[in-house]
N, C-alpha and C. Protein backbone atom coordinates (compact mmCIF):
# COMPACT_ATOMS: atom_id res chain seq x y z
N MET A 1 218.56 51.64 137.81
CA MET A 1 219.71 51.32 138.88
C MET A 1 219.26 52.42 140.03
N LYS A 2 219.27 51.80 141.34
CA LYS A 2 218.97 52.68 142.50
C LYS A 2 220.39 53.14 142.90
N LEU A 3 220.42 54.26 143.46
CA LEU A 3 221.83 55.03 144.13
C LEU A 3 221.75 54.11 145.58
N THR A 4 222.85 53.44 145.86
CA THR A 4 223.15 52.60 147.15
C THR A 4 223.76 53.53 147.99
N LYS A 5 223.97 53.15 149.27
CA LYS A 5 224.91 53.70 150.28
C LYS A 5 226.41 53.47 149.82
N VAL A 6 226.74 52.52 149.26
CA VAL A 6 228.09 52.28 148.83
C VAL A 6 228.51 53.13 147.62
N MET A 7 227.39 53.30 146.75
CA MET A 7 227.81 54.21 145.78
C MET A 7 228.00 55.66 146.09
N ARG A 8 227.01 55.96 147.05
CA ARG A 8 227.31 57.50 147.61
C ARG A 8 228.64 57.34 148.10
N LYS A 9 228.97 56.65 149.16
CA LYS A 9 230.22 56.61 149.92
C LYS A 9 231.47 56.73 148.91
N LYS A 10 231.40 56.09 147.75
CA LYS A 10 232.40 55.99 146.79
C LYS A 10 232.44 57.04 146.11
N TYR A 11 231.31 57.97 145.72
CA TYR A 11 231.41 59.26 144.97
C TYR A 11 231.89 60.31 146.10
N ILE A 12 231.69 60.35 147.22
CA ILE A 12 231.94 61.38 148.25
C ILE A 12 233.55 61.23 148.45
N LYS A 13 233.98 59.92 148.47
CA LYS A 13 235.32 59.44 148.75
C LYS A 13 236.24 60.07 147.55
N GLY A 14 235.51 59.89 146.15
CA GLY A 14 236.38 60.25 145.29
C GLY A 14 236.38 61.78 144.80
N ALA A 15 235.83 62.47 145.91
CA ALA A 15 235.54 64.07 145.46
C ALA A 15 234.83 64.33 144.48
N ALA A 16 233.81 63.63 144.31
CA ALA A 16 232.57 63.94 143.42
C ALA A 16 233.28 63.97 142.01
N GLN A 17 234.13 63.37 141.52
CA GLN A 17 234.70 63.26 140.28
C GLN A 17 234.20 62.58 139.27
N LYS A 18 233.73 61.43 139.63
CA LYS A 18 232.98 60.32 138.76
C LYS A 18 231.46 59.92 139.04
N CYS A 19 230.83 59.77 137.94
CA CYS A 19 229.40 59.21 137.99
C CYS A 19 229.31 58.13 138.87
N PRO A 20 228.58 58.42 140.07
CA PRO A 20 228.26 56.98 141.04
C PRO A 20 227.63 55.85 140.16
N TYR A 21 226.98 56.10 139.01
CA TYR A 21 226.02 55.02 138.23
C TYR A 21 226.96 54.36 137.22
N CYS A 22 227.85 55.05 136.45
CA CYS A 22 228.54 54.69 135.33
C CYS A 22 230.06 54.79 135.62
N ASN A 23 230.51 55.80 136.27
CA ASN A 23 231.77 55.60 136.51
C ASN A 23 232.45 56.62 135.64
N SER A 24 231.80 57.72 134.75
CA SER A 24 232.12 58.44 133.73
C SER A 24 232.70 59.74 134.53
N ASN A 25 233.73 60.45 133.78
CA ASN A 25 233.99 61.66 134.42
C ASN A 25 233.36 62.95 133.57
N GLU A 26 232.21 62.77 132.99
CA GLU A 26 231.55 63.55 132.04
C GLU A 26 230.45 64.20 132.90
N LEU A 27 230.67 64.83 133.80
CA LEU A 27 229.54 65.54 134.69
C LEU A 27 229.31 66.85 134.38
N GLU A 28 228.16 67.37 134.68
CA GLU A 28 227.92 68.85 134.44
C GLU A 28 226.93 69.11 135.78
N ALA A 29 227.47 70.26 136.42
CA ALA A 29 226.63 70.65 137.63
C ALA A 29 225.94 72.13 137.48
N ASP A 30 224.88 72.25 138.10
CA ASP A 30 224.15 73.57 138.10
C ASP A 30 224.79 74.48 139.06
N SER A 31 224.45 75.63 139.01
CA SER A 31 224.98 76.49 140.26
C SER A 31 224.31 75.93 141.71
N MET A 32 225.03 76.41 142.48
CA MET A 32 224.74 76.19 144.22
C MET A 32 223.20 76.77 144.46
N GLU A 33 222.51 76.15 145.06
CA GLU A 33 221.19 76.87 145.75
C GLU A 33 221.52 76.62 147.28
N THR A 34 220.85 77.74 147.89
CA THR A 34 221.04 77.69 149.23
C THR A 34 219.63 78.16 149.78
N ASP A 35 219.60 77.72 151.28
CA ASP A 35 218.59 78.24 152.06
C ASP A 35 219.38 78.45 153.44
N CYS A 36 218.44 78.52 154.69
CA CYS A 36 218.99 78.74 155.88
C CYS A 36 219.25 77.29 156.58
N THR A 37 218.84 76.24 155.87
CA THR A 37 219.30 74.90 156.51
C THR A 37 220.55 74.42 155.61
N GLY A 38 220.88 74.76 154.40
CA GLY A 38 222.06 73.99 153.67
C GLY A 38 222.23 74.54 152.32
N ALA A 39 222.96 73.74 151.53
CA ALA A 39 223.07 74.05 150.11
C ALA A 39 223.00 72.83 149.25
N TRP A 40 222.77 72.96 147.98
CA TRP A 40 222.88 71.77 147.07
C TRP A 40 222.88 72.29 145.85
N ARG A 41 223.17 71.30 144.89
CA ARG A 41 223.19 71.57 143.36
C ARG A 41 222.94 70.29 142.66
N GLU A 42 222.23 70.37 141.49
CA GLU A 42 222.02 69.31 140.54
C GLU A 42 223.30 69.19 139.92
N VAL A 43 223.57 67.80 139.74
CA VAL A 43 224.54 67.22 138.77
C VAL A 43 224.00 66.19 138.05
N SER A 44 224.48 66.21 136.77
CA SER A 44 224.06 65.14 135.82
C SER A 44 225.37 64.42 135.13
N CYS A 45 225.03 63.31 134.66
CA CYS A 45 226.31 62.60 133.60
C CYS A 45 225.61 62.69 132.48
N THR A 46 226.50 63.37 131.37
CA THR A 46 226.17 63.21 130.13
C THR A 46 226.51 61.83 129.43
N SER A 47 227.21 61.02 130.06
CA SER A 47 227.18 59.60 129.43
C SER A 47 226.23 58.57 129.71
N CYS A 48 225.51 58.52 130.79
CA CYS A 48 224.36 57.89 131.10
C CYS A 48 223.13 58.51 131.39
N GLY A 49 223.07 59.69 131.71
CA GLY A 49 221.96 60.47 131.68
C GLY A 49 221.22 60.54 133.18
N LYS A 50 221.97 59.91 133.86
CA LYS A 50 221.39 60.16 135.23
C LYS A 50 221.64 61.49 136.02
N LYS A 51 220.89 61.90 137.22
CA LYS A 51 220.79 63.09 137.61
C LYS A 51 220.79 63.07 138.90
N TRP A 52 221.33 63.70 139.93
CA TRP A 52 221.36 63.61 141.45
C TRP A 52 221.60 64.92 141.96
N ASN A 53 221.31 65.27 143.26
CA ASN A 53 221.66 66.26 143.99
C ASN A 53 222.85 66.09 144.97
N GLU A 54 223.85 67.04 144.64
CA GLU A 54 224.89 66.98 145.82
C GLU A 54 224.44 68.04 146.93
N VAL A 55 224.47 67.35 148.21
CA VAL A 55 224.03 68.13 149.19
C VAL A 55 225.15 68.52 150.25
N PHE A 56 225.27 69.63 150.55
CA PHE A 56 226.27 70.47 151.63
C PHE A 56 225.95 70.90 152.90
N THR A 57 226.57 70.45 153.72
CA THR A 57 226.12 70.76 155.23
C THR A 57 227.20 71.73 155.90
N LEU A 58 226.98 72.54 156.98
CA LEU A 58 227.89 73.23 157.62
C LEU A 58 228.70 72.42 158.42
N THR A 59 229.92 72.20 158.40
CA THR A 59 230.78 71.54 159.04
C THR A 59 231.57 71.93 159.97
N ASP A 60 231.85 73.50 159.86
CA ASP A 60 232.84 74.31 160.82
C ASP A 60 232.53 75.73 160.41
N ILE A 61 233.07 76.63 161.59
CA ILE A 61 232.77 78.07 161.35
C ILE A 61 234.40 78.55 161.80
N GLU A 62 234.79 79.51 161.12
CA GLU A 62 236.02 80.08 161.76
C GLU A 62 235.85 81.62 162.12
N GLU A 63 236.61 82.15 163.02
CA GLU A 63 236.59 83.38 163.52
C GLU A 63 237.29 84.41 162.31
N ILE A 64 236.64 85.66 162.11
CA ILE A 64 237.21 86.64 161.19
C ILE A 64 237.62 87.72 162.22
N ARG A 65 239.07 87.76 162.18
CA ARG A 65 239.75 88.66 163.27
C ARG A 65 239.74 90.21 162.75
N GLU A 66 239.36 91.05 163.43
CA GLU A 66 239.43 92.42 163.05
C GLU A 66 240.80 92.96 162.93
N ILE A 67 241.32 93.90 161.97
CA ILE A 67 242.65 94.07 162.10
C ILE A 67 242.51 95.46 162.85
């Protein structure tokens, strides 16, 4: 089964709590990896064996105020 746009949207909307392939909540995630362009981690489903990368992007910045 190929990961579709609909499956991606459902996974993201569901806060990444269920497998986009089989809907199981038996997920395992590796530690986050980063470089100067973004961050990602590999996630796998222990129920169906599928694997995918969660990709994180910069969405905002906040000022840190000195006291």
